[in-house]
Amino acid sequence: MDSRFLPMPVRQLDIGKAAEPTIGEAAPAPQTDESRYHAKATEAAVKFESFFIAQTLHKMRDATKAMADDDSIYKDSINSDMLDMADNMVADQLAGRRAFGIADAILRQLAPPAQPSATENFVLPKKNPTDA
């Protein structure tokens, strides 16, 4: 039998499964409400960035089709569903790397950094206008 037609091994995805600690590994610290909120906010921000990138790629592909000549290879929509899936996968990868910075901007709005303590809150001395 030709090796090109052998079935590919099935890979198990670990989506939603909790990672089990191995022997000798420290147990994970219990999550606080703040850390759970930050994790959920990060996940939502990355998903939104992925959605935004995917929509941008889809619109760019649609614009390419609209501007293409009738005899152009870009006008053909034979594999458009596979191209859409590829666009979604590229968008997921870019969003996972936070390539566009959209997720970071959302997180700055949703989870602002901690307020500085009283010891960190200092005022810079004003420069005397007579000093040059």
N, C-alpha and C. Protein backbone atom coordinates (compact mmCIF):
# COMPACT_ATOMS: atom_id res chain seq x y z
N MET A 1 0.84 -1.18 0.00
CA MET A 1 0.00 0.00 0.00
C MET A 1 0.88 1.24 0.00
N ASP A 2 0.46 2.22 -0.74
CA ASP A 2 1.21 3.46 -0.85
C ASP A 2 1.14 4.22 0.49
N SER A 3 2.28 4.74 0.93
CA SER A 3 2.34 5.41 2.23
C SER A 3 1.56 6.72 2.24
N ARG A 4 1.23 7.24 1.05
CA ARG A 4 0.46 8.49 1.00
C ARG A 4 -0.96 8.30 1.49
N PHE A 5 -1.45 7.06 1.45
CA PHE A 5 -2.85 6.82 1.79
C PHE A 5 -3.04 6.17 3.16
N LEU A 6 -1.98 6.07 3.95
CA LEU A 6 -2.11 5.52 5.29
C LEU A 6 -2.86 6.53 6.16
N PRO A 7 -3.68 6.05 7.07
CA PRO A 7 -4.42 6.98 7.93
C PRO A 7 -3.47 7.74 8.85
N MET A 8 -3.81 8.99 9.06
CA MET A 8 -3.00 9.81 9.96
C MET A 8 -3.40 9.53 11.39
N PRO A 9 -2.46 9.59 12.33
CA PRO A 9 -2.81 9.35 13.73
C PRO A 9 -3.70 10.47 14.25
N VAL A 10 -4.61 10.10 15.11
CA VAL A 10 -5.54 11.07 15.68
C VAL A 10 -4.86 11.74 16.86
N ARG A 11 -4.92 13.07 16.86
CA ARG A 11 -4.33 13.82 17.97
C ARG A 11 -5.43 14.23 18.92
N GLN A 12 -5.15 14.08 20.19
CA GLN A 12 -6.11 14.47 21.21
C GLN A 12 -5.85 15.92 21.59
N LEU A 13 -6.89 16.70 21.61
CA LEU A 13 -6.78 18.08 22.04
C LEU A 13 -7.08 18.16 23.52
N ASP A 14 -6.34 18.98 24.21
CA ASP A 14 -6.53 19.11 25.65
C ASP A 14 -7.33 20.36 26.00
N ILE A 15 -8.27 20.71 25.16
CA ILE A 15 -9.07 21.90 25.41
C ILE A 15 -10.04 21.62 26.55
N GLY A 16 -9.98 22.44 27.55
CA GLY A 16 -10.91 22.32 28.67
C GLY A 16 -10.49 21.33 29.74
N LYS A 17 -9.43 20.59 29.51
CA LYS A 17 -8.99 19.64 30.53
C LYS A 17 -8.01 20.32 31.47
N ALA A 18 -8.10 20.01 32.72
CA ALA A 18 -7.16 20.56 33.70
C ALA A 18 -5.86 19.77 33.62
N ALA A 19 -4.75 20.49 33.64
CA ALA A 19 -3.46 19.83 33.60
C ALA A 19 -3.22 19.11 34.92
N GLU A 20 -2.86 17.85 34.84
CA GLU A 20 -2.61 17.08 36.06
C GLU A 20 -1.15 17.24 36.45
N PRO A 21 -0.90 17.57 37.70
CA PRO A 21 0.49 17.72 38.12
C PRO A 21 1.21 16.37 38.12
N THR A 22 2.44 16.38 37.72
CA THR A 22 3.24 15.16 37.72
C THR A 22 3.90 15.00 39.08
N ILE A 23 4.50 13.85 39.29
CA ILE A 23 5.15 13.57 40.56
C ILE A 23 6.33 14.52 40.73
N GLY A 24 6.42 15.14 41.88
CA GLY A 24 7.50 16.06 42.18
C GLY A 24 7.19 17.49 41.78
N GLU A 25 6.07 17.70 41.10
CA GLU A 25 5.70 19.05 40.68
C GLU A 25 4.80 19.66 41.75
N ALA A 26 5.01 20.94 42.00
CA ALA A 26 4.21 21.63 43.01
C ALA A 26 2.79 21.81 42.50
N ALA A 27 1.86 21.72 43.38
CA ALA A 27 0.45 21.93 43.02
C ALA A 27 0.25 23.40 42.67
N PRO A 28 -0.61 23.69 41.73
CA PRO A 28 -0.83 25.09 41.36
C PRO A 28 -1.46 25.85 42.51
N ALA A 29 -1.11 27.12 42.59
CA ALA A 29 -1.65 27.96 43.65
C ALA A 29 -3.15 28.15 43.44
N PRO A 30 -3.91 28.22 44.50
CA PRO A 30 -5.35 28.44 44.33
C PRO A 30 -5.61 29.80 43.68
N GLN A 31 -6.57 29.82 42.80
CA GLN A 31 -6.87 31.04 42.08
C GLN A 31 -7.77 31.95 42.91
N THR A 32 -7.45 33.21 42.89
CA THR A 32 -8.29 34.19 43.54
C THR A 32 -9.29 34.72 42.52
N ASP A 33 -10.25 35.49 43.00
CA ASP A 33 -11.24 36.08 42.11
C ASP A 33 -10.57 37.00 41.09
N GLU A 34 -9.57 37.73 41.56
CA GLU A 34 -8.88 38.66 40.66
C GLU A 34 -8.11 37.93 39.57
N SER A 35 -7.45 36.83 39.91
CA SER A 35 -6.69 36.08 38.90
C SER A 35 -7.64 35.39 37.91
N ARG A 36 -8.79 34.91 38.41
CA ARG A 36 -9.78 34.31 37.50
C ARG A 36 -10.35 35.36 36.55
N TYR A 37 -10.63 36.55 37.08
CA TYR A 37 -11.14 37.64 36.25
C TYR A 37 -10.12 38.01 35.18
N HIS A 38 -8.85 38.11 35.59
CA HIS A 38 -7.79 38.48 34.65
C HIS A 38 -7.64 37.40 33.57
N ALA A 39 -7.73 36.12 33.96
CA ALA A 39 -7.61 35.04 32.98
C ALA A 39 -8.77 35.07 31.98
N LYS A 40 -9.99 35.28 32.49
CA LYS A 40 -11.15 35.35 31.59
C LYS A 40 -11.08 36.58 30.70
N ALA A 41 -10.65 37.70 31.24
CA ALA A 41 -10.53 38.92 30.45
C ALA A 41 -9.47 38.76 29.37
N THR A 42 -8.36 38.10 29.71
CA THR A 42 -7.31 37.86 28.72
C THR A 42 -7.82 36.95 27.61
N GLU A 43 -8.52 35.89 27.97
CA GLU A 43 -9.06 34.97 26.97
C GLU A 43 -10.05 35.68 26.05
N ALA A 44 -10.91 36.50 26.63
CA ALA A 44 -11.90 37.22 25.82
C ALA A 44 -11.23 38.24 24.91
N ALA A 45 -10.20 38.92 25.41
CA ALA A 45 -9.50 39.91 24.60
C ALA A 45 -8.77 39.26 23.43
N VAL A 46 -8.16 38.11 23.67
CA VAL A 46 -7.46 37.41 22.60
C VAL A 46 -8.46 36.88 21.57
N LYS A 47 -9.60 36.39 22.04
CA LYS A 47 -10.63 35.92 21.10
C LYS A 47 -11.17 37.08 20.26
N PHE A 48 -11.34 38.25 20.87
CA PHE A 48 -11.81 39.39 20.10
C PHE A 48 -10.76 39.81 19.07
N GLU A 49 -9.49 39.81 19.46
CA GLU A 49 -8.44 40.15 18.50
C GLU A 49 -8.43 39.16 17.35
N SER A 50 -8.62 37.88 17.65
CA SER A 50 -8.69 36.87 16.60
C SER A 50 -9.87 37.14 15.67
N PHE A 51 -11.03 37.46 16.23
CA PHE A 51 -12.20 37.77 15.43
C PHE A 51 -11.95 38.99 14.55
N PHE A 52 -11.34 40.02 15.10
CA PHE A 52 -11.05 41.23 14.35
C PHE A 52 -10.10 40.94 13.19
N ILE A 53 -9.04 40.20 13.44
CA ILE A 53 -8.07 39.87 12.39
C ILE A 53 -8.73 39.02 11.31
N ALA A 54 -9.54 38.04 11.73
CA ALA A 54 -10.22 37.18 10.75
C ALA A 54 -11.16 38.00 9.87
N GLN A 55 -11.92 38.91 10.46
CA GLN A 55 -12.82 39.75 9.67
C GLN A 55 -12.03 40.63 8.70
N THR A 56 -10.90 41.14 9.14
CA THR A 56 -10.06 41.94 8.26
C THR A 56 -9.57 41.12 7.09
N LEU A 57 -9.11 39.91 7.35
CA LEU A 57 -8.63 39.04 6.27
C LEU A 57 -9.76 38.69 5.30
N HIS A 58 -10.95 38.41 5.84
CA HIS A 58 -12.10 38.09 4.98
C HIS A 58 -12.46 39.27 4.09
N LYS A 59 -12.48 40.46 4.66
CA LYS A 59 -12.81 41.65 3.88
C LYS A 59 -11.75 41.94 2.83
N MET A 60 -10.48 41.71 3.15
CA MET A 60 -9.43 41.90 2.15
C MET A 60 -9.58 40.90 1.01
N ARG A 61 -9.91 39.66 1.33
CA ARG A 61 -10.11 38.66 0.30
C ARG A 61 -11.33 39.01 -0.57
N ASP A 62 -12.41 39.48 0.06
CA ASP A 62 -13.59 39.90 -0.70
C ASP A 62 -13.28 41.07 -1.62
N ALA A 63 -12.49 42.01 -1.13
CA ALA A 63 -12.12 43.16 -1.95
C ALA A 63 -11.25 42.73 -3.13
N THR A 64 -10.38 41.76 -2.91
CA THR A 64 -9.54 41.25 -4.00
C THR A 64 -10.41 40.61 -5.07
N LYS A 65 -11.42 39.84 -4.64
CA LYS A 65 -12.34 39.22 -5.61
C LYS A 65 -13.13 40.26 -6.37
N ALA A 66 -13.57 41.29 -5.67
CA ALA A 66 -14.39 42.32 -6.31
C ALA A 66 -13.60 43.12 -7.33
N MET A 67 -12.33 43.36 -7.07
CA MET A 67 -11.50 44.17 -7.97
C MET A 67 -10.86 43.34 -9.07
N ALA A 68 -10.89 42.02 -8.99
CA ALA A 68 -10.22 41.17 -9.98
C ALA A 68 -10.98 41.18 -11.30
N ASP A 69 -10.23 40.99 -12.37
CA ASP A 69 -10.85 40.88 -13.69
C ASP A 69 -11.63 39.57 -13.78
N ASP A 70 -12.48 39.47 -14.80
CA ASP A 70 -13.31 38.27 -14.95
C ASP A 70 -12.48 37.02 -15.21
N ASP A 71 -11.32 37.15 -15.84
CA ASP A 71 -10.50 35.98 -16.15
C ASP A 71 -9.37 35.78 -15.14
N SER A 72 -9.40 36.49 -14.03
CA SER A 72 -8.36 36.39 -13.01
C SER A 72 -8.53 35.15 -12.15
N ILE A 73 -7.42 34.65 -11.62
CA ILE A 73 -7.50 33.50 -10.72
C ILE A 73 -8.11 33.89 -9.37
N TYR A 74 -8.08 35.16 -9.05
CA TYR A 74 -8.64 35.62 -7.77
C TYR A 74 -10.16 35.70 -7.80
N LYS A 75 -10.75 35.69 -8.99
CA LYS A 75 -12.20 35.76 -9.14
C LYS A 75 -12.86 34.41 -8.83
N ASP A 76 -12.12 33.33 -9.01
CA ASP A 76 -12.66 31.99 -8.81
C ASP A 76 -12.88 31.72 -7.33
N SER A 77 -14.04 31.16 -6.99
CA SER A 77 -14.36 30.90 -5.58
C SER A 77 -14.45 29.40 -5.29
N ILE A 78 -13.61 28.62 -5.94
CA ILE A 78 -13.67 27.17 -5.77
C ILE A 78 -13.33 26.78 -4.33
N ASN A 79 -12.25 27.28 -3.81
CA ASN A 79 -11.79 26.88 -2.48
C ASN A 79 -12.03 27.98 -1.45
N SER A 80 -13.08 28.74 -1.59
CA SER A 80 -13.29 29.86 -0.68
C SER A 80 -13.53 29.40 0.75
N ASP A 81 -14.19 28.25 0.94
CA ASP A 81 -14.42 27.78 2.31
C ASP A 81 -13.12 27.37 2.97
N MET A 82 -12.21 26.78 2.20
CA MET A 82 -10.91 26.39 2.78
C MET A 82 -10.07 27.64 3.05
N LEU A 83 -10.17 28.64 2.20
CA LEU A 83 -9.44 29.88 2.43
C LEU A 83 -9.97 30.60 3.66
N ASP A 84 -11.27 30.55 3.86
CA ASP A 84 -11.85 31.14 5.07
C ASP A 84 -11.35 30.44 6.33
N MET A 85 -11.26 29.12 6.25
CA MET A 85 -10.75 28.36 7.40
C MET A 85 -9.28 28.69 7.64
N ALA A 86 -8.51 28.82 6.55
CA ALA A 86 -7.10 29.19 6.70
C ALA A 86 -6.97 30.59 7.29
N ASP A 87 -7.83 31.51 6.86
CA ASP A 87 -7.80 32.86 7.42
C ASP A 87 -8.09 32.83 8.92
N ASN A 88 -9.04 32.01 9.34
CA ASN A 88 -9.35 31.89 10.77
C ASN A 88 -8.18 31.33 11.55
N MET A 89 -7.49 30.36 10.98
CA MET A 89 -6.34 29.77 11.67
C MET A 89 -5.19 30.77 11.78
N VAL A 90 -4.96 31.52 10.71
CA VAL A 90 -3.92 32.56 10.76
C VAL A 90 -4.29 33.61 11.79
N ALA A 91 -5.55 33.99 11.83
CA ALA A 91 -6.02 34.98 12.80
C ALA A 91 -5.82 34.48 14.23
N ASP A 92 -6.11 33.21 14.48
CA ASP A 92 -5.91 32.64 15.81
C ASP A 92 -4.44 32.68 16.21
N GLN A 93 -3.56 32.35 15.27
CA GLN A 93 -2.13 32.36 15.57
C GLN A 93 -1.63 33.77 15.85
N LEU A 94 -2.05 34.72 15.03
CA LEU A 94 -1.62 36.11 15.23
C LEU A 94 -2.17 36.66 16.54
N ALA A 95 -3.41 36.34 16.86
CA ALA A 95 -4.00 36.83 18.10
C ALA A 95 -3.32 36.19 19.31
N GLY A 96 -2.94 34.92 19.19
CA GLY A 96 -2.24 34.26 20.29
C GLY A 96 -0.90 34.91 20.59
N ARG A 97 -0.29 35.49 19.56
CA ARG A 97 0.98 36.21 19.74
C ARG A 97 0.77 37.68 20.06
N ARG A 98 -0.49 38.09 20.04
CA ARG A 98 -0.87 39.49 20.27
C ARG A 98 -0.13 40.41 19.29
N ALA A 99 -0.17 40.01 18.04
CA ALA A 99 0.57 40.70 17.00
C ALA A 99 0.04 42.10 16.73
N PHE A 100 -1.27 42.31 16.82
CA PHE A 100 -1.84 43.61 16.50
C PHE A 100 -1.95 44.51 17.72
N GLY A 101 -1.90 43.96 18.91
CA GLY A 101 -1.99 44.76 20.13
C GLY A 101 -3.39 45.11 20.56
N ILE A 102 -4.39 44.54 19.88
CA ILE A 102 -5.77 44.84 20.24
C ILE A 102 -6.12 44.26 21.60
N ALA A 103 -5.69 43.03 21.84
CA ALA A 103 -5.96 42.39 23.13
C ALA A 103 -5.31 43.17 24.27
N ASP A 104 -4.10 43.68 24.04
CA ASP A 104 -3.43 44.45 25.08
C ASP A 104 -4.18 45.74 25.38
N ALA A 105 -4.70 46.39 24.33
CA ALA A 105 -5.47 47.62 24.54
C ALA A 105 -6.75 47.33 25.31
N ILE A 106 -7.41 46.23 25.00
CA ILE A 106 -8.63 45.86 25.72
C ILE A 106 -8.31 45.55 27.18
N LEU A 107 -7.23 44.84 27.41
CA LEU A 107 -6.86 44.50 28.79
C LEU A 107 -6.49 45.74 29.60
N ARG A 108 -5.90 46.73 28.95
CA ARG A 108 -5.60 47.97 29.68
C ARG A 108 -6.89 48.65 30.13
N GLN A 109 -7.97 48.46 29.37
CA GLN A 109 -9.25 49.05 29.75
C GLN A 109 -9.97 48.21 30.80
N LEU A 110 -9.93 46.89 30.65
CA LEU A 110 -10.67 46.00 31.56
C LEU A 110 -9.97 45.77 32.88
N ALA A 111 -8.67 45.64 32.85
CA ALA A 111 -7.91 45.33 34.06
C ALA A 111 -6.76 46.32 34.19
N PRO A 112 -7.04 47.53 34.66
CA PRO A 112 -5.97 48.51 34.80
C PRO A 112 -4.95 48.04 35.83
N PRO A 113 -3.73 48.51 35.73
CA PRO A 113 -2.71 48.08 36.70
C PRO A 113 -3.07 48.54 38.10
N ALA A 114 -2.49 47.89 39.07
CA ALA A 114 -2.77 48.21 40.47
C ALA A 114 -2.36 49.64 40.78
N GLN A 115 -3.09 50.25 41.69
CA GLN A 115 -2.80 51.62 42.09
C GLN A 115 -1.48 51.64 42.87
N PRO A 116 -0.65 52.67 42.67
CA PRO A 116 0.61 52.73 43.42
C PRO A 116 0.35 52.93 44.91
N SER A 117 1.19 52.35 45.70
CA SER A 117 1.03 52.49 47.15
C SER A 117 1.49 53.88 47.59
N ALA A 118 1.28 54.19 48.86
CA ALA A 118 1.62 55.51 49.38
C ALA A 118 3.12 55.77 49.30
N THR A 119 3.94 54.73 49.46
CA THR A 119 5.39 54.92 49.40
C THR A 119 5.85 55.17 47.96
N GLU A 120 5.11 54.64 46.98
CA GLU A 120 5.49 54.85 45.59
C GLU A 120 4.95 56.16 45.05
N ASN A 121 3.97 56.74 45.73
CA ASN A 121 3.33 57.94 45.27
C ASN A 121 4.14 59.14 45.74
N PHE A 122 5.01 59.62 44.88
CA PHE A 122 5.81 60.77 45.25
C PHE A 122 5.67 61.82 44.16
N VAL A 123 5.93 63.06 44.55
CA VAL A 123 5.80 64.18 43.61
C VAL A 123 7.19 64.64 43.25
N LEU A 124 7.41 64.82 41.95
CA LEU A 124 8.69 65.35 41.51
C LEU A 124 8.78 66.81 41.89
N PRO A 125 9.95 67.26 42.34
CA PRO A 125 10.07 68.68 42.70
C PRO A 125 9.95 69.54 41.45
N LYS A 126 9.25 70.66 41.61
CA LYS A 126 9.10 71.58 40.48
C LYS A 126 10.40 72.31 40.26
N LYS A 127 10.67 72.51 39.00
CA LYS A 127 11.88 73.21 38.63
C LYS A 127 11.66 74.70 38.85
N ASN A 128 12.64 75.33 39.48
CA ASN A 128 12.56 76.76 39.74
C ASN A 128 12.69 77.48 38.40
N PRO A 129 11.80 78.42 38.06
CA PRO A 129 11.89 79.10 36.77
C PRO A 129 13.16 79.90 36.59
N THR A 130 13.83 80.24 37.69
CA THR A 130 15.08 81.01 37.56
C THR A 130 16.25 80.11 37.25
N ASP A 131 16.10 78.78 37.52
CA ASP A 131 17.19 77.84 37.19
C ASP A 131 17.21 77.63 35.69
N ALA A 132 18.38 77.68 35.10
CA ALA A 132 18.49 77.50 33.65
C ALA A 132 19.10 76.18 33.31
